[in-house]
Amino acid sequence: MTIWLIVLRALTMGWMPPEIDEFRDEYNRPLPERKGKPARRSAPGPCRPGMALIEGGSFASRPIAAFCLDTHEVTVGEFHAYVQRLESDDGGKLQRRVGQVSASEALGKEHCTWSRRERAPQRPMNCVAVDEAAEFCESHGKRLPKDLEWKWAARGGTAAYKYPGSNHKPTAEWLNMPQAADDRYLELRDVGSYAPTPSGLHDMAGNVWEWVACTTADPRCSARGGGFATFAEEELRAAFAGRQYAREARSAEVGFRCAATPDAEGQGR
């Protein structure tokens, strides 16, 4: 009864429940503006973007300092951009040289990625001489990796992998190589098409052989890692001595990646 009396009294006194809008200011007022905290940035690493830090160590009684190495082989798109940035005379001379191969080149000019630089810019740059590769790296504040550095990175440092990043026998499923001697599909793949090594490096075996640093006095220079036409298992091993090429040689099987000295202050560029 008490409830009904209260209701009856409210109606006789003309009381009506307030509109919901009367409560809006009190209960639905916007919260005070909060000043957002700036996003936390991860500390810059010692290597530039697109490079992995390879910790140093000792191999065959030879000390190896830490260094940075490109995670991918240099692409034809990157090389094309570099050529375009050169002065017109230098760029024109370089364009006339790259994309050409020696008469003795087994695969021929048709496999040079320079002719497909606009259609397939992520393919590795090949058909480039070792000095041209070194000049590209130097223009980006880098260098070609030393032979011992390349080998150290491929074997995973102290992990001492038999093949780059693995002890398992290589197959065409995890690197760009033919299945067998009579199964050469002879086709390059975009960089990074296969899983990286534990160090974060792609295509250290297969795709294209990679130039390593060569002194100006050397008439022949080495390339490591095997390529898309390599079916010999021993040539894909981290310990393989590499193939020897004339200094001026340009091969459809050979490309490169760059190395750099880590930034001591951790400011990767």
Protein backbone atom coordinates (compact mmCIF):
# COMPACT_ATOMS: atom_id res chain seq x y z
CA MET A 1 0.00 0.00 0.00
CA THR A 2 2.80 2.33 0.78
CA ILE A 3 4.07 2.21 -2.76
CA TRP A 4 0.65 2.96 -4.21
CA LEU A 5 0.22 5.93 -1.89
CA ILE A 6 3.52 7.37 -3.04
CA VAL A 7 2.55 6.97 -6.69
CA LEU A 8 -0.88 8.49 -6.13
CA ARG A 9 0.58 11.41 -4.28
CA ALA A 10 3.12 12.05 -7.05
CA LEU A 11 0.40 12.06 -9.69
CA THR A 12 -1.87 14.41 -7.76
CA MET A 13 1.02 16.85 -7.24
CA GLY A 14 1.80 16.89 -10.98
CA TRP A 15 5.20 15.26 -10.62
CA MET A 16 6.50 13.53 -13.72
CA PRO A 17 9.76 11.58 -14.12
CA PRO A 18 12.47 13.69 -15.71
CA GLU A 19 13.38 13.26 -19.37
CA ILE A 20 16.43 11.16 -19.98
CA ASP A 21 18.13 14.21 -21.43
CA GLU A 22 18.17 15.74 -17.96
CA PHE A 23 20.44 12.95 -16.82
CA ARG A 24 22.74 13.12 -19.83
CA ASP A 25 24.93 15.91 -18.54
CA GLU A 26 25.36 14.17 -15.25
CA TYR A 27 25.95 10.59 -16.33
CA ASN A 28 26.88 10.73 -20.01
CA ARG A 29 29.17 13.70 -20.03
CA PRO A 30 32.28 13.09 -22.15
CA LEU A 31 35.32 12.09 -20.18
CA PRO A 32 38.03 14.72 -19.75
CA GLU A 33 40.44 14.69 -22.65
CA ARG A 34 43.48 12.61 -21.91
CA LYS A 35 46.80 13.46 -23.34
CA GLY A 36 48.12 10.34 -25.01
CA LYS A 37 51.60 9.18 -24.20
CA PRO A 38 53.98 9.21 -27.14
CA ALA A 39 54.45 5.79 -28.72
CA ARG A 40 57.48 4.01 -27.36
CA ARG A 41 60.12 3.53 -29.98
CA SER A 42 62.40 0.59 -29.85
CA ALA A 43 66.02 1.44 -29.36
CA PRO A 44 67.81 1.75 -32.68
CA GLY A 45 69.99 -1.19 -33.44
CA PRO A 46 73.59 -1.21 -34.58
CA CYS A 47 72.59 -2.13 -38.15
CA ARG A 48 70.59 -0.25 -40.74
CA PRO A 49 67.10 -1.37 -41.72
CA GLY A 50 67.27 -4.39 -43.99
CA MET A 51 70.48 -5.66 -42.39
CA ALA A 52 71.10 -8.30 -39.72
CA LEU A 53 73.75 -8.15 -37.03
CA ILE A 54 76.18 -11.05 -37.24
CA GLU A 55 77.94 -11.49 -33.93
CA GLY A 56 81.70 -11.91 -34.04
CA GLY A 57 83.78 -14.82 -32.87
CA SER A 58 86.80 -16.86 -33.83
CA PHE A 59 87.12 -19.26 -36.73
CA ALA A 60 90.21 -21.30 -37.57
CA SER A 61 92.16 -19.18 -35.05
CA ARG A 62 91.12 -16.03 -36.92
CA PRO A 63 89.13 -13.40 -35.03
CA ILE A 64 85.96 -12.13 -36.68
CA ALA A 65 84.50 -8.81 -35.56
CA ALA A 66 80.74 -8.31 -35.49
CA PHE A 67 79.34 -6.97 -38.75
CA CYS A 68 76.05 -6.19 -40.46
CA LEU A 69 74.88 -8.08 -43.54
CA ASP A 70 71.97 -7.43 -45.90
CA THR A 71 69.11 -9.79 -45.17
CA HIS A 72 68.40 -10.02 -48.92
CA GLU A 73 70.42 -10.09 -52.08
CA VAL A 74 70.46 -6.70 -53.80
CA THR A 75 67.47 -6.55 -56.13
CA VAL A 76 67.45 -5.38 -59.72
CA GLY A 77 64.97 -2.69 -58.67
CA GLU A 78 67.42 -1.32 -56.10
CA PHE A 79 70.24 -1.40 -58.64
CA HIS A 80 68.06 0.38 -61.20
CA ALA A 81 67.32 3.17 -58.71
CA TYR A 82 71.05 3.48 -58.06
CA VAL A 83 71.83 3.77 -61.78
CA GLN A 84 69.20 6.48 -62.15
CA ARG A 85 70.80 8.49 -59.35
CA LEU A 86 74.19 8.50 -61.04
CA GLU A 87 75.30 11.38 -63.21
CA SER A 88 74.06 10.95 -66.76
CA ASP A 89 77.45 9.98 -68.21
CA ASP A 90 78.29 7.47 -65.48
CA GLY A 91 74.77 6.04 -65.46
CA GLY A 92 74.77 5.64 -69.24
CA LYS A 93 78.10 3.84 -69.23
CA LEU A 94 76.98 1.51 -66.47
CA GLN A 95 73.71 0.69 -68.23
CA ARG A 96 75.61 -0.35 -71.33
CA ARG A 97 77.68 -2.79 -69.25
CA VAL A 98 75.16 -4.39 -66.92
CA GLY A 99 72.84 -6.96 -68.37
CA GLN A 100 75.62 -8.25 -70.61
CA VAL A 101 77.43 -11.56 -70.15
CA SER A 102 80.63 -13.12 -71.39
CA ALA A 103 80.54 -15.21 -74.54
CA SER A 104 81.37 -18.24 -72.42
CA GLU A 105 78.41 -17.69 -70.08
CA ALA A 106 76.49 -20.95 -69.99
CA LEU A 107 73.06 -19.51 -69.22
CA GLY A 108 73.17 -16.61 -71.62
CA LYS A 109 71.97 -13.02 -71.55
CA GLU A 110 68.27 -13.96 -71.51
CA HIS A 111 68.56 -14.76 -67.78
CA CYS A 112 69.91 -11.32 -66.84
CA THR A 113 67.38 -9.60 -64.58
CA TRP A 114 68.29 -6.13 -65.88
CA SER A 115 65.95 -6.66 -68.83
CA ARG A 116 63.12 -7.33 -66.35
CA ARG A 117 63.90 -4.55 -63.89
CA GLU A 118 60.47 -2.94 -64.30
CA ARG A 119 58.38 -6.10 -64.54
CA ALA A 120 60.11 -8.01 -61.73
CA PRO A 121 62.01 -5.51 -59.56
CA GLN A 122 62.33 -7.93 -56.63
CA ARG A 123 64.49 -10.42 -58.50
CA PRO A 124 68.16 -10.42 -57.47
CA MET A 125 70.49 -8.26 -59.52
CA ASN A 126 72.81 -10.45 -61.61
CA CYS A 127 75.06 -10.04 -64.66
CA VAL A 128 77.10 -7.47 -62.74
CA ALA A 129 80.89 -7.48 -62.34
CA VAL A 130 82.45 -7.56 -58.89
CA ASP A 131 83.72 -3.97 -59.13
CA GLU A 132 80.27 -2.76 -60.13
CA ALA A 133 78.79 -4.57 -57.15
CA ALA A 134 81.41 -3.04 -54.84
CA GLU A 135 80.66 0.45 -56.17
CA PHE A 136 76.95 -0.04 -55.48
CA CYS A 137 77.68 -1.02 -51.88
CA GLU A 138 80.09 1.89 -51.40
CA SER A 139 77.48 4.34 -52.71
CA HIS A 140 75.21 3.18 -49.88
CA GLY A 141 77.91 3.46 -47.23
CA LYS A 142 78.48 -0.29 -47.25
CA ARG A 143 80.93 -2.78 -48.76
CA LEU A 144 81.06 -6.29 -50.10
CA PRO A 145 81.45 -8.86 -47.30
CA LYS A 146 84.83 -10.41 -46.82
CA ASP A 147 85.10 -14.07 -47.77
CA LEU A 148 85.53 -15.10 -44.12
CA GLU A 149 82.59 -12.94 -43.06
CA TRP A 150 80.30 -14.49 -45.65
CA LYS A 151 81.31 -17.98 -44.58
CA TRP A 152 80.87 -17.13 -40.89
CA ALA A 153 77.38 -15.76 -41.52
CA ALA A 154 76.38 -18.77 -43.65
CA ARG A 155 77.47 -21.28 -41.01
CA GLY A 156 75.57 -19.39 -38.31
CA GLY A 157 78.68 -18.35 -36.42
CA THR A 158 79.37 -20.77 -33.61
CA ALA A 159 76.34 -22.86 -34.63
CA ALA A 160 78.55 -24.22 -37.42
CA TYR A 161 75.75 -25.27 -39.77
CA LYS A 162 76.74 -27.46 -42.67
CA TYR A 163 74.54 -25.49 -45.05
CA PRO A 164 73.44 -21.89 -44.59
CA GLY A 165 71.15 -21.98 -41.57
CA SER A 166 70.69 -25.75 -41.53
CA ASN A 167 72.33 -29.14 -41.27
CA HIS A 168 69.70 -30.76 -43.47
CA LYS A 169 70.44 -31.73 -47.03
CA PRO A 170 69.30 -28.91 -49.32
CA THR A 171 66.26 -29.40 -51.52
CA ALA A 172 64.38 -27.20 -53.97
CA GLU A 173 61.64 -26.84 -51.35
CA TRP A 174 63.71 -24.63 -49.06
CA LEU A 175 66.09 -22.91 -51.48
CA ASN A 176 66.15 -21.97 -55.15
CA MET A 177 67.99 -24.84 -56.80
CA PRO A 178 67.12 -27.58 -59.30
CA GLN A 179 65.88 -30.88 -57.95
CA ALA A 180 68.44 -32.87 -59.94
CA ALA A 181 70.99 -32.58 -62.70
CA ASP A 182 68.34 -33.27 -65.34
CA ASP A 183 65.73 -30.95 -63.78
CA ARG A 184 66.99 -27.43 -64.40
CA TYR A 185 64.00 -25.15 -64.45
CA LEU A 186 66.45 -22.23 -64.62
CA GLU A 187 64.32 -19.57 -63.04
CA LEU A 188 65.23 -16.90 -60.51
CA ARG A 189 62.90 -16.12 -57.62
CA ASP A 190 62.10 -12.86 -55.85
CA VAL A 191 64.41 -12.27 -52.91
CA GLY A 192 62.97 -13.55 -49.66
CA SER A 193 60.80 -16.21 -51.30
CA TYR A 194 62.24 -18.85 -48.98
CA ALA A 195 62.50 -18.97 -45.19
CA PRO A 196 65.48 -17.14 -43.66
CA THR A 197 68.29 -18.61 -41.62
CA PRO A 198 68.15 -18.24 -37.81
CA SER A 199 70.22 -15.06 -38.31
CA GLY A 200 67.49 -13.61 -40.53
CA LEU A 201 69.34 -13.99 -43.84
CA HIS A 202 67.49 -15.04 -47.00
CA ASP A 203 68.94 -16.91 -49.97
CA MET A 204 72.41 -17.49 -48.56
CA ALA A 205 72.17 -20.71 -50.55
CA GLY A 206 70.60 -20.77 -53.99
CA ASN A 207 69.01 -18.06 -56.15
CA VAL A 208 72.31 -16.40 -57.18
CA TRP A 209 75.92 -16.89 -56.20
CA GLU A 210 77.18 -13.84 -54.28
CA TRP A 211 80.33 -11.85 -54.83
CA VAL A 212 82.66 -11.44 -51.86
CA ALA A 213 85.29 -8.73 -51.49
CA CYS A 214 88.16 -8.91 -53.93
CA THR A 215 91.38 -6.90 -53.86
CA THR A 216 92.33 -4.78 -56.86
CA ALA A 217 95.35 -7.01 -57.44
CA ASP A 218 93.27 -10.16 -57.84
CA PRO A 219 92.62 -11.09 -61.48
CA ARG A 220 89.96 -13.58 -60.38
CA CYS A 221 87.36 -13.16 -57.66
CA SER A 222 85.14 -15.51 -55.69
CA ALA A 223 81.39 -15.95 -55.41
CA ARG A 224 79.69 -18.05 -52.74
CA GLY A 225 76.42 -19.75 -51.94
CA GLY A 226 75.30 -21.49 -55.12
CA GLY A 227 72.58 -20.34 -57.50
CA PHE A 228 69.35 -21.26 -59.20
CA ALA A 229 71.16 -23.63 -61.58
CA THR A 230 73.31 -25.28 -58.88
CA PHE A 231 72.50 -28.93 -58.29
CA ALA A 232 75.85 -30.03 -56.79
CA GLU A 233 75.24 -30.38 -53.06
CA GLU A 234 78.83 -29.60 -52.10
CA GLU A 235 78.65 -26.18 -53.78
CA LEU A 236 75.81 -25.21 -51.44
CA ARG A 237 77.77 -25.92 -48.28
CA ALA A 238 78.88 -23.05 -46.09
CA ALA A 239 82.44 -24.37 -46.21
CA PHE A 240 82.61 -24.54 -50.02
CA ALA A 241 85.49 -22.44 -51.31
CA GLY A 242 83.31 -20.71 -53.88
CA ARG A 243 83.51 -20.32 -57.63
CA GLN A 244 86.23 -18.29 -59.28
CA TYR A 245 85.38 -15.75 -61.98
CA ALA A 246 87.44 -13.31 -64.00
CA ARG A 247 87.33 -9.87 -62.45
CA GLU A 248 85.36 -8.37 -65.33
CA ALA A 249 83.00 -11.38 -65.67
CA ARG A 250 79.25 -10.89 -65.58
CA SER A 251 77.24 -14.03 -65.06
CA ALA A 252 73.52 -14.67 -64.86
CA GLU A 253 74.28 -16.94 -61.91
CA VAL A 254 76.07 -14.29 -59.82
CA GLY A 255 74.65 -11.44 -57.75
CA PHE A 256 75.63 -9.91 -54.41
CA ARG A 257 74.64 -8.48 -51.05
CA CYS A 258 76.36 -5.80 -48.97
CA ALA A 259 77.94 -5.70 -45.53
CA ALA A 260 78.71 -2.86 -43.13
CA THR A 261 80.42 -2.14 -39.83
CA PRO A 262 77.95 -1.87 -36.93
CA ASP A 263 77.33 1.58 -35.53
CA ALA A 264 79.12 1.70 -32.18
CA GLU A 265 76.47 4.04 -30.75
CA GLY A 266 73.61 1.82 -31.88
CA GLN A 267 72.34 4.31 -34.42
CA GLY A 268 71.56 2.12 -37.43
CA ARG A 269 71.04 4.23 -40.52
